[in-house]
Amino acid sequence: MINYTILGTTVASWILIYFLIKRINRIEAKALIENRILSGRIQTLGKTAKEWDDSRKFDIKRLNATTLKATANSAGELIVTSPDGKTILNEFKLRTKK
């Protein structure tokens, strides 16, 4: 009778230990997944900030390069050219008094 009691107690304790270890592993796995998700979000935010900074630098370069030249032709149109003199922007027109 005592042998069955010791055997039952031993089996119950091993089952309890098994489920406790399984529970701890599940908690560690969840923590690891959350860590990876957070590190991924941090990397994404860092990449987005770098891209935003790069695009802002590009915008600043573009704005610094906008020394547009404007001339008026005989038809009253304003001819706007880019700093390199090659691109003509013809969407601007001067209003003439009638």
PDB file of N, CA and C in Angstrom:
ATOM      1  N   MET A   1       0.814  -1.190   0.000  1.00  0.00           N
ATOM      2  CA  MET A   1       0.000   0.000   0.000  1.00  0.00           C
ATOM      3  C   MET A   1       0.860   1.257   0.000  1.00  0.00           C
ATOM      4  N   ILE A   2       1.917   1.239   0.778  1.00  0.00           N
ATOM      5  CA  ILE A   2       2.803   2.395   0.847  1.00  0.00           C
ATOM      6  C   ILE A   2       3.514   2.589  -0.491  1.00  0.00           C
ATOM      7  N   ASN A   3       3.829   1.485  -1.160  1.00  0.00           N
ATOM      8  CA  ASN A   3       4.506   1.595  -2.449  1.00  0.00           C
ATOM      9  C   ASN A   3       3.629   2.295  -3.480  1.00  0.00           C
ATOM     10  N   TYR A   4       2.315   1.999  -3.473  1.00  0.00           N
ATOM     11  CA  TYR A   4       1.410   2.653  -4.411  1.00  0.00           C
ATOM     12  C   TYR A   4       1.253   4.137  -4.085  1.00  0.00           C
ATOM     13  N   THR A   5       1.274   4.468  -2.819  1.00  0.00           N
ATOM     14  CA  THR A   5       1.184   5.868  -2.409  1.00  0.00           C
ATOM     15  C   THR A   5       2.415   6.632  -2.867  1.00  0.00           C
ATOM     16  N   ILE A   6       3.578   6.050  -2.666  1.00  0.00           N
ATOM     17  CA  ILE A   6       4.825   6.698  -3.105  1.00  0.00           C
ATOM     18  C   ILE A   6       4.848   6.804  -4.628  1.00  0.00           C
ATOM     19  N   LEU A   7       4.425   5.753  -5.304  1.00  0.00           N
ATOM     20  CA  LEU A   7       4.392   5.758  -6.765  1.00  0.00           C
ATOM     21  C   LEU A   7       3.410   6.811  -7.281  1.00  0.00           C
ATOM     22  N   GLY A   8       2.226   6.883  -6.686  1.00  0.00           N
ATOM     23  CA  GLY A   8       1.219   7.876  -7.090  1.00  0.00           C
ATOM     24  C   GLY A   8       1.701   9.292  -6.853  1.00  0.00           C
ATOM     25  N   THR A   9       2.327   9.517  -5.708  1.00  0.00           N
ATOM     26  CA  THR A   9       2.862  10.841  -5.396  1.00  0.00           C
ATOM     27  C   THR A   9       3.968  11.223  -6.370  1.00  0.00           C
ATOM     28  N   THR A  10       4.825  10.274  -6.690  1.00  0.00           N
ATOM     29  CA  THR A  10       5.924  10.536  -7.626  1.00  0.00           C
ATOM     30  C   THR A  10       5.383  10.861  -9.016  1.00  0.00           C
ATOM     31  N   VAL A  11       4.417  10.079  -9.484  1.00  0.00           N
ATOM     32  CA  VAL A  11       3.825  10.317 -10.811  1.00  0.00           C
ATOM     33  C   VAL A  11       3.114  11.667 -10.833  1.00  0.00           C
ATOM     34  N   ALA A  12       2.362  11.980  -9.786  1.00  0.00           N
ATOM     35  CA  ALA A  12       1.657  13.261  -9.716  1.00  0.00           C
ATOM     36  C   ALA A  12       2.638  14.427  -9.706  1.00  0.00           C
ATOM     37  N   SER A  13       3.741  14.274  -8.977  1.00  0.00           N
ATOM     38  CA  SER A  13       4.732  15.356  -8.936  1.00  0.00           C
ATOM     39  C   SER A  13       5.410  15.531 -10.299  1.00  0.00           C
ATOM     40  N   TRP A  14       5.696  14.405 -10.998  1.00  0.00           N
ATOM     41  CA  TRP A  14       6.289  14.508 -12.341  1.00  0.00           C
ATOM     42  C   TRP A  14       5.323  15.175 -13.323  1.00  0.00           C
ATOM     43  N   ILE A  15       4.043  14.845 -13.223  1.00  0.00           N
ATOM     44  CA  ILE A  15       3.036  15.478 -14.090  1.00  0.00           C
ATOM     45  C   ILE A  15       2.951  16.969 -13.788  1.00  0.00           C
ATOM     46  N   LEU A  16       2.967  17.316 -12.507  1.00  0.00           N
ATOM     47  CA  LEU A  16       2.935  18.716 -12.105  1.00  0.00           C
ATOM     48  C   LEU A  16       4.163  19.461 -12.615  1.00  0.00           C
ATOM     49  N   ILE A  17       5.327  18.849 -12.479  1.00  0.00           N
ATOM     50  CA  ILE A  17       6.568  19.463 -12.973  1.00  0.00           C
ATOM     51  C   ILE A  17       6.501  19.644 -14.486  1.00  0.00           C
ATOM     52  N   TYR A  18       5.966  18.631 -15.203  1.00  0.00           N
ATOM     53  CA  TYR A  18       5.847  18.710 -16.664  1.00  0.00           C
ATOM     54  C   TYR A  18       4.975  19.898 -17.071  1.00  0.00           C
ATOM     55  N   PHE A  19       3.812  20.048 -16.426  1.00  0.00           N
ATOM     56  CA  PHE A  19       2.917  21.139 -16.784  1.00  0.00           C
ATOM     57  C   PHE A  19       3.479  22.500 -16.376  1.00  0.00           C
ATOM     58  N   LEU A  20       4.201  22.547 -15.263  1.00  0.00           N
ATOM     59  CA  LEU A  20       4.833  23.808 -14.872  1.00  0.00           C
ATOM     60  C   LEU A  20       5.904  24.223 -15.882  1.00  0.00           C
ATOM     61  N   ILE A  21       6.719  23.269 -16.312  1.00  0.00           N
ATOM     62  CA  ILE A  21       7.752  23.572 -17.309  1.00  0.00           C
ATOM     63  C   ILE A  21       7.108  23.998 -18.627  1.00  0.00           C
ATOM     64  N   LYS A  22       6.029  23.315 -18.999  1.00  0.00           N
ATOM     65  CA  LYS A  22       5.320  23.668 -20.228  1.00  0.00           C
ATOM     66  C   LYS A  22       4.761  25.088 -20.128  1.00  0.00           C
ATOM     67  N   ARG A  23       4.210  25.428 -18.989  1.00  0.00           N
ATOM     68  CA  ARG A  23       3.653  26.771 -18.767  1.00  0.00           C
ATOM     69  C   ARG A  23       4.753  27.831 -18.814  1.00  0.00           C
ATOM     70  N   ILE A  24       5.890  27.556 -18.187  1.00  0.00           N
ATOM     71  CA  ILE A  24       7.015  28.496 -18.192  1.00  0.00           C
ATOM     72  C   ILE A  24       7.533  28.696 -19.613  1.00  0.00           C
ATOM     73  N   ASN A  25       7.638  27.605 -20.383  1.00  0.00           N
ATOM     74  CA  ASN A  25       8.092  27.716 -21.770  1.00  0.00           C
ATOM     75  C   ASN A  25       7.123  28.545 -22.607  1.00  0.00           C
ATOM     76  N   ARG A  26       5.832  28.385 -22.358  1.00  0.00           N
ATOM     77  CA  ARG A  26       4.834  29.158 -23.089  1.00  0.00           C
ATOM     78  C   ARG A  26       4.969  30.645 -22.760  1.00  0.00           C
ATOM     79  N   ILE A  27       5.185  30.954 -21.491  1.00  0.00           N
ATOM     80  CA  ILE A  27       5.362  32.352 -21.083  1.00  0.00           C
ATOM     81  C   ILE A  27       6.627  32.932 -21.710  1.00  0.00           C
ATOM     82  N   GLU A  28       7.712  32.163 -21.708  1.00  0.00           N
ATOM     83  CA  GLU A  28       8.957  32.620 -22.323  1.00  0.00           C
ATOM     84  C   GLU A  28       8.787  32.813 -23.825  1.00  0.00           C
ATOM     85  N   ALA A  29       8.035  31.917 -24.466  1.00  0.00           N
ATOM     86  CA  ALA A  29       7.806  32.037 -25.910  1.00  0.00           C
ATOM     87  C   ALA A  29       7.009  33.299 -26.226  1.00  0.00           C
ATOM     88  N   LYS A  30       5.992  33.580 -25.408  1.00  0.00           N
ATOM     89  CA  LYS A  30       5.215  34.803 -25.620  1.00  0.00           C
ATOM     90  C   LYS A  30       6.087  36.036 -25.436  1.00  0.00           C
ATOM     91  N   ALA A  31       6.936  36.015 -24.419  1.00  0.00           N
ATOM     92  CA  ALA A  31       7.831  37.148 -24.183  1.00  0.00           C
ATOM     93  C   ALA A  31       8.807  37.321 -25.345  1.00  0.00           C
ATOM     94  N   LEU A  32       9.311  36.216 -25.873  1.00  0.00           N
ATOM     95  CA  LEU A  32      10.230  36.276 -27.006  1.00  0.00           C
ATOM     96  C   LEU A  32       9.537  36.832 -28.242  1.00  0.00           C
ATOM     97  N   ILE A  33       8.306  36.394 -28.487  1.00  0.00           N
ATOM     98  CA  ILE A  33       7.545  36.901 -29.633  1.00  0.00           C
ATOM     99  C   ILE A  33       7.286  38.396 -29.479  1.00  0.00           C
ATOM    100  N   GLU A  34       6.888  38.828 -28.283  1.00  0.00           N
ATOM    101  CA  GLU A  34       6.656  40.251 -28.049  1.00  0.00           C
ATOM    102  C   GLU A  34       7.937  41.051 -28.238  1.00  0.00           C
ATOM    103  N   ASN A  35       9.062  40.492 -27.789  1.00  0.00           N
ATOM    104  CA  ASN A  35      10.354  41.152 -27.979  1.00  0.00           C
ATOM    105  C   ASN A  35      10.662  41.337 -29.450  1.00  0.00           C
ATOM    106  N   ARG A  36      10.450  40.283 -30.236  1.00  0.00           N
ATOM    107  CA  ARG A  36      10.729  40.360 -31.673  1.00  0.00           C
ATOM    108  C   ARG A  36       9.804  41.350 -32.360  1.00  0.00           C
ATOM    109  N   ILE A  37       8.539  41.363 -31.961  1.00  0.00           N
ATOM    110  CA  ILE A  37       7.596  42.317 -32.546  1.00  0.00           C
ATOM    111  C   ILE A  37       8.027  43.739 -32.227  1.00  0.00           C
ATOM    112  N   LEU A  38       8.395  43.989 -30.965  1.00  0.00           N
ATOM    113  CA  LEU A  38       8.823  45.329 -30.578  1.00  0.00           C
ATOM    114  C   LEU A  38      10.103  45.740 -31.290  1.00  0.00           C
ATOM    115  N   SER A  39      11.056  44.821 -31.400  1.00  0.00           N
ATOM    116  CA  SER A  39      12.300  45.177 -32.089  1.00  0.00           C
ATOM    117  C   SER A  39      12.028  45.428 -33.568  1.00  0.00           C
ATOM    118  N   GLY A  40      11.095  44.685 -34.160  1.00  0.00           N
ATOM    119  CA  GLY A  40      10.714  44.937 -35.547  1.00  0.00           C
ATOM    120  C   GLY A  40      10.076  46.296 -35.712  1.00  0.00           C
ATOM    121  N   ARG A  41       9.223  46.669 -34.757  1.00  0.00           N
ATOM    122  CA  ARG A  41       8.595  47.994 -34.824  1.00  0.00           C
ATOM    123  C   ARG A  41       9.630  49.096 -34.655  1.00  0.00           C
ATOM    124  N   ILE A  42      10.579  48.883 -33.763  1.00  0.00           N
ATOM    125  CA  ILE A  42      11.629  49.884 -33.558  1.00  0.00           C
ATOM    126  C   ILE A  42      12.465  50.027 -34.824  1.00  0.00           C
ATOM    127  N   GLN A  43      12.805  48.901 -35.462  1.00  0.00           N
ATOM    128  CA  GLN A  43      13.570  48.969 -36.707  1.00  0.00           C
ATOM    129  C   GLN A  43      12.772  49.669 -37.792  1.00  0.00           C
ATOM    130  N   THR A  44      11.462  49.392 -37.855  1.00  0.00           N
ATOM    131  CA  THR A  44      10.616  50.042 -38.853  1.00  0.00           C
ATOM    132  C   THR A  44      10.552  51.538 -38.603  1.00  0.00           C
ATOM    133  N   LEU A  45      10.409  51.922 -37.334  1.00  0.00           N
ATOM    134  CA  LEU A  45      10.382  53.347 -37.014  1.00  0.00           C
ATOM    135  C   LEU A  45      11.706  54.009 -37.360  1.00  0.00           C
ATOM    136  N   GLY A  46      12.809  53.313 -37.081  1.00  0.00           N
ATOM    137  CA  GLY A  46      14.120  53.862 -37.424  1.00  0.00           C
ATOM    138  C   GLY A  46      14.278  54.027 -38.916  1.00  0.00           C
ATOM    139  N   LYS A  47      13.826  53.031 -39.670  1.00  0.00           N
ATOM    140  CA  LYS A  47      13.920  53.105 -41.130  1.00  0.00           C
ATOM    141  C   LYS A  47      13.040  54.235 -41.665  1.00  0.00           C
ATOM    142  N   THR A  48      11.826  54.366 -41.111  1.00  0.00           N
ATOM    143  CA  THR A  48      10.916  55.423 -41.539  1.00  0.00           C
ATOM    144  C   THR A  48      11.500  56.791 -41.232  1.00  0.00           C
ATOM    145  N   ALA A  49      12.099  56.932 -40.057  1.00  0.00           N
ATOM    146  CA  ALA A  49      12.718  58.210 -39.701  1.00  0.00           C
ATOM    147  C   ALA A  49      13.872  58.530 -40.634  1.00  0.00           C
ATOM    148  N   LYS A  50      14.659  57.529 -40.998  1.00  0.00           N
ATOM    149  CA  LYS A  50      15.777  57.751 -41.916  1.00  0.00           C
ATOM    150  C   LYS A  50      15.261  58.134 -43.296  1.00  0.00           C
ATOM    151  N   GLU A  51      14.206  57.439 -43.779  1.00  0.00           N
ATOM    152  CA  GLU A  51      13.638  57.780 -45.077  1.00  0.00           C
ATOM    153  C   GLU A  51      13.059  59.185 -45.055  1.00  0.00           C
ATOM    154  N   TRP A  52      12.389  59.549 -43.946  1.00  0.00           N
ATOM    155  CA  TRP A  52      11.829  60.886 -43.842  1.00  0.00           C
ATOM    156  C   TRP A  52      12.941  61.919 -43.864  1.00  0.00           C
ATOM    157  N   ASP A  53      14.038  61.637 -43.159  1.00  0.00           N
ATOM    158  CA  ASP A  53      15.167  62.550 -43.138  1.00  0.00           C
ATOM    159  C   ASP A  53      15.788  62.672 -44.521  1.00  0.00           C
ATOM    160  N   ASP A  54      15.930  61.544 -45.235  1.00  0.00           N
ATOM    161  CA  ASP A  54      16.482  61.580 -46.586  1.00  0.00           C
ATOM    162  C   ASP A  54      15.587  62.373 -47.524  1.00  0.00           C
ATOM    163  N   SER A  55      14.263  62.159 -47.436  1.00  0.00           N
ATOM    164  CA  SER A  55      13.353  62.898 -48.313  1.00  0.00           C
ATOM    165  C   SER A  55      13.356  64.377 -47.960  1.00  0.00           C
ATOM    166  N   ARG A  56      13.513  64.672 -46.687  1.00  0.00           N
ATOM    167  CA  ARG A  56      13.575  66.081 -46.294  1.00  0.00           C
ATOM    168  C   ARG A  56      14.843  66.732 -46.829  1.00  0.00           C
ATOM    169  N   LYS A  57      15.970  66.006 -46.763  1.00  0.00           N
ATOM    170  CA  LYS A  57      17.203  66.544 -47.336  1.00  0.00           C
ATOM    171  C   LYS A  57      17.046  66.759 -48.832  1.00  0.00           C
ATOM    172  N   PHE A  58      16.357  65.823 -49.507  1.00  0.00           N
ATOM    173  CA  PHE A  58      16.123  65.963 -50.937  1.00  0.00           C
ATOM    174  C   PHE A  58      15.260  67.187 -51.214  1.00  0.00           C
ATOM    175  N   ASP A  59      14.197  67.392 -50.387  1.00  0.00           N
ATOM    176  CA  ASP A  59      13.346  68.571 -50.558  1.00  0.00           C
ATOM    177  C   ASP A  59      14.137  69.851 -50.351  1.00  0.00           C
ATOM    178  N   ILE A  60      15.021  69.857 -49.356  1.00  0.00           N
ATOM    179  CA  ILE A  60      15.842  71.048 -49.109  1.00  0.00           C
ATOM    180  C   ILE A  60      16.749  71.315 -50.301  1.00  0.00           C
ATOM    181  N   LYS A  61      17.358  70.256 -50.855  1.00  0.00           N
ATOM    182  CA  LYS A  61      18.201  70.442 -52.038  1.00  0.00           C
ATOM    183  C   LYS A  61      17.382  70.976 -53.206  1.00  0.00           C
ATOM    184  N   ARG A  62      16.164  70.427 -53.362  1.00  0.00           N
ATOM    185  CA  ARG A  62      15.308  70.907 -54.448  1.00  0.00           C
ATOM    186  C   ARG A  62      14.927  72.360 -54.245  1.00  0.00           C
ATOM    187  N   LEU A  63      14.586  72.723 -53.021  1.00  0.00           N
ATOM    188  CA  LEU A  63      14.208  74.112 -52.760  1.00  0.00           C
ATOM    189  C   LEU A  63      15.388  75.055 -52.934  1.00  0.00           C
ATOM    190  N   ASN A  64      16.569  74.615 -52.553  1.00  0.00           N
ATOM    191  CA  ASN A  64      17.751  75.452 -52.749  1.00  0.00           C
ATOM    192  C   ASN A  64      18.075  75.622 -54.221  1.00  0.00           C
ATOM    193  N   ALA A  65      17.683  74.663 -55.033  1.00  0.00           N
ATOM    194  CA  ALA A  65      17.987  74.725 -56.459  1.00  0.00           C
ATOM    195  C   ALA A  65      16.922  75.469 -57.256  1.00  0.00           C
ATOM    196  N   THR A  66      15.863  75.920 -56.601  1.00  0.00           N
ATOM    197  CA  THR A  66      14.790  76.581 -57.349  1.00  0.00           C
ATOM    198  C   THR A  66      15.048  78.067 -57.488  1.00  0.00           C
ATOM    199  N   THR A  67      15.983  78.401 -58.292  1.00  0.00           N
ATOM    200  CA  THR A  67      16.184  79.803 -58.681  1.00  0.00           C
ATOM    201  C   THR A  67      15.635  79.926 -60.095  1.00  0.00           C
ATOM    202  N   LEU A  68      14.321  80.002 -60.178  1.00  0.00           N
ATOM    203  CA  LEU A  68      13.656  80.030 -61.469  1.00  0.00           C
ATOM    204  C   LEU A  68      13.873  81.374 -62.150  1.00  0.00           C
ATOM    205  N   LYS A  69      14.005  81.316 -63.447  1.00  0.00           N
ATOM    206  CA  LYS A  69      14.164  82.527 -64.245  1.00  0.00           C
ATOM    207  C   LYS A  69      12.859  82.774 -64.979  1.00  0.00           C
ATOM    208  N   ALA A  70      12.386  83.991 -64.944  1.00  0.00           N
ATOM    209  CA  ALA A  70      11.116  84.313 -65.588  1.00  0.00           C
ATOM    210  C   ALA A  70      11.304  85.468 -66.556  1.00  0.00           C
ATOM    211  N   THR A  71      10.731  85.314 -67.719  1.00  0.00           N
ATOM    212  CA  THR A  71      10.725  86.389 -68.722  1.00  0.00           C
ATOM    213  C   THR A  71       9.339  86.440 -69.337  1.00  0.00           C
ATOM    214  N   ALA A  72       8.976  87.597 -69.840  1.00  0.00           N
ATOM    215  CA  ALA A  72       7.673  87.757 -70.493  1.00  0.00           C
ATOM    216  C   ALA A  72       7.899  87.905 -71.990  1.00  0.00           C
ATOM    217  N   ASN A  73       7.125  87.166 -72.760  1.00  0.00           N
ATOM    218  CA  ASN A  73       7.253  87.311 -74.205  1.00  0.00           C
ATOM    219  C   ASN A  73       6.229  88.310 -74.714  1.00  0.00           C
ATOM    220  N   SER A  74       6.175  88.513 -76.017  1.00  0.00           N
ATOM    221  CA  SER A  74       5.303  89.543 -76.589  1.00  0.00           C
ATOM    222  C   SER A  74       3.823  89.196 -76.470  1.00  0.00           C
ATOM    223  N   ALA A  75       3.479  87.941 -76.317  1.00  0.00           N
ATOM    224  CA  ALA A  75       2.075  87.540 -76.213  1.00  0.00           C
ATOM    225  C   ALA A  75       1.542  87.673 -74.792  1.00  0.00           C
ATOM    226  N   GLY A  76       2.348  88.143 -73.887  1.00  0.00           N
ATOM    227  CA  GLY A  76       1.901  88.317 -72.514  1.00  0.00           C
ATOM    228  C   GLY A  76       2.053  87.075 -71.664  1.00  0.00           C
ATOM    229  N   GLU A  77       2.734  86.090 -72.176  1.00  0.00           N
ATOM    230  CA  GLU A  77       2.951  84.869 -71.403  1.00  0.00           C
ATOM    231  C   GLU A  77       4.234  84.984 -70.600  1.00  0.00           C
ATOM    232  N   LEU A  78       4.188  84.429 -69.439  1.00  0.00           N
ATOM    233  CA  LEU A  78       5.367  84.397 -68.580  1.00  0.00           C
ATOM    234  C   LEU A  78       6.082  83.084 -68.837  1.00  0.00           C
ATOM    235  N   ILE A  79       7.306  83.174 -69.275  1.00  0.00           N
ATOM    236  CA  ILE A  79       8.089  81.972 -69.539  1.00  0.00           C
ATOM    237  C   ILE A  79       8.994  81.749 -68.342  1.00  0.00           C
ATOM    238  N   VAL A  80       8.783  80.632 -67.666  1.00  0.00           N
ATOM    239  CA  VAL A  80       9.565  80.298 -66.480  1.00  0.00           C
ATOM    240  C   VAL A  80      10.462  79.125 -66.838  1.00  0.00           C
ATOM    241  N   THR A  81      11.740  79.297 -66.613  1.00  0.00           N
ATOM    242  CA  THR A  81      12.681  78.214 -66.895  1.00  0.00           C
ATOM    243  C   THR A  81      13.379  77.805 -65.610  1.00  0.00           C
ATOM    244  N   SER A  82      13.825  76.578 -65.599  1.00  0.00           N
ATOM    245  CA  SER A  82      14.535  76.055 -64.433  1.00  0.00           C
ATOM    246  C   SER A  82      15.957  76.601 -64.418  1.00  0.00           C
ATOM    247  N   PRO A  83      16.693  76.386 -63.326  1.00  0.00           N
ATOM    248  CA  PRO A  83      18.057  76.917 -63.246  1.00  0.00           C
ATOM    249  C   PRO A  83      18.971  76.418 -64.360  1.00  0.00           C
ATOM    250  N   ASP A  84      18.718  75.223 -64.857  1.00  0.00           N
ATOM    251  CA  ASP A  84      19.579  74.732 -65.934  1.00  0.00           C
ATOM    252  C   ASP A  84      19.196  75.329 -67.281  1.00  0.00           C
ATOM    253  N   GLY A  85      18.055  76.022 -67.368  1.00  0.00           N
ATOM    254  CA  GLY A  85      17.631  76.685 -68.590  1.00  0.00           C
ATOM    255  C   GLY A  85      16.988  75.755 -69.594  1.00  0.00           C
ATOM    256  N   LYS A  86      16.817  74.506 -69.286  1.00  0.00           N
ATOM    257  CA  LYS A  86      16.275  73.539 -70.239  1.00  0.00           C
ATOM    258  C   LYS A  86      14.776  73.323 -70.068  1.00  0.00           C
ATOM    259  N   THR A  87      14.301  73.326 -68.845  1.00  0.00           N
ATOM    260  CA  THR A  87      12.892  73.042 -68.589  1.00  0.00           C
ATOM    261  C   THR A  87      12.100  74.337 -68.607  1.00  0.00           C
ATOM    262  N   ILE A  88      11.075  74.366 -69.431  1.00  0.00           N
ATOM    263  CA  ILE A  88      10.223  75.552 -69.518  1.00  0.00           C
ATOM    264  C   ILE A  88       8.878  75.214 -68.888  1.00  0.00           C
ATOM    265  N   LEU A  89       8.479  76.029 -67.944  1.00  0.00           N
ATOM    266  CA  LEU A  89       7.178  75.863 -67.294  1.00  0.00           C
ATOM    267  C   LEU A  89       6.228  76.863 -67.932  1.00  0.00           C
ATOM    268  N   ASN A  90       5.280  76.402 -68.708  1.00  0.00           N
ATOM    269  CA  ASN A  90       4.402  77.318 -69.434  1.00  0.00           C
ATOM    270  C   ASN A  90       3.013  77.415 -68.810  1.00  0.00           C
ATOM    271  N   GLU A  91       2.856  77.052 -67.575  1.00  0.00           N
ATOM    272  CA  GLU A  91       1.536  77.113 -66.965  1.00  0.00           C
ATOM    273  C   GLU A  91       1.239  78.477 -66.350  1.00  0.00           C
ATOM    274  N   PHE A  92       2.216  79.373 -66.324  1.00  0.00           N
ATOM    275  CA  PHE A  92       2.015  80.713 -65.786  1.00  0.00           C
ATOM    276  C   PHE A  92       1.765  81.673 -66.949  1.00  0.00           C
ATOM    277  N   LYS A  93       0.760  82.531 -66.814  1.00  0.00           N
ATOM    278  CA  LYS A  93       0.491  83.529 -67.851  1.00  0.00           C
ATOM    279  C   LYS A  93       0.280  84.873 -67.172  1.00  0.00           C
ATOM    280  N   LEU A  94       0.788  85.911 -67.802  1.00  0.00           N
ATOM    281  CA  LEU A  94       0.584  87.257 -67.281  1.00  0.00           C
ATOM    282  C   LEU A  94      -0.780  87.764 -67.719  1.00  0.00           C
ATOM    283  N   ARG A  95      -1.407  88.497 -66.840  1.00  0.00           N
ATOM    284  CA  ARG A  95      -2.668  89.126 -67.217  1.00  0.00           C
ATOM    285  C   ARG A  95      -2.344  90.483 -67.830  1.00  0.00           C
ATOM    286  N   THR A  96      -2.941  90.737 -68.932  1.00  0.00           N
ATOM    287  CA  THR A  96      -2.736  92.039 -69.576  1.00  0.00           C
ATOM    288  C   THR A  96      -3.986  92.874 -69.375  1.00  0.00           C
ATOM    289  N   LYS A  97      -3.793  94.175 -69.210  1.00  0.00           N
ATOM    290  CA  LYS A  97      -4.932  95.084 -69.047  1.00  0.00           C
ATOM    291  C   LYS A  97      -5.578  95.294 -70.404  1.00  0.00           C
ATOM    292  N   LYS A  98      -6.918  95.328 -70.429  1.00  0.00           N
ATOM    293  CA  LYS A  98      -7.629  95.550 -71.695  1.00  0.00           C
ATOM    294  C   LYS A  98      -8.202  96.929 -71.739  1.00  0.00           C
TER     295      LYS A  98
END
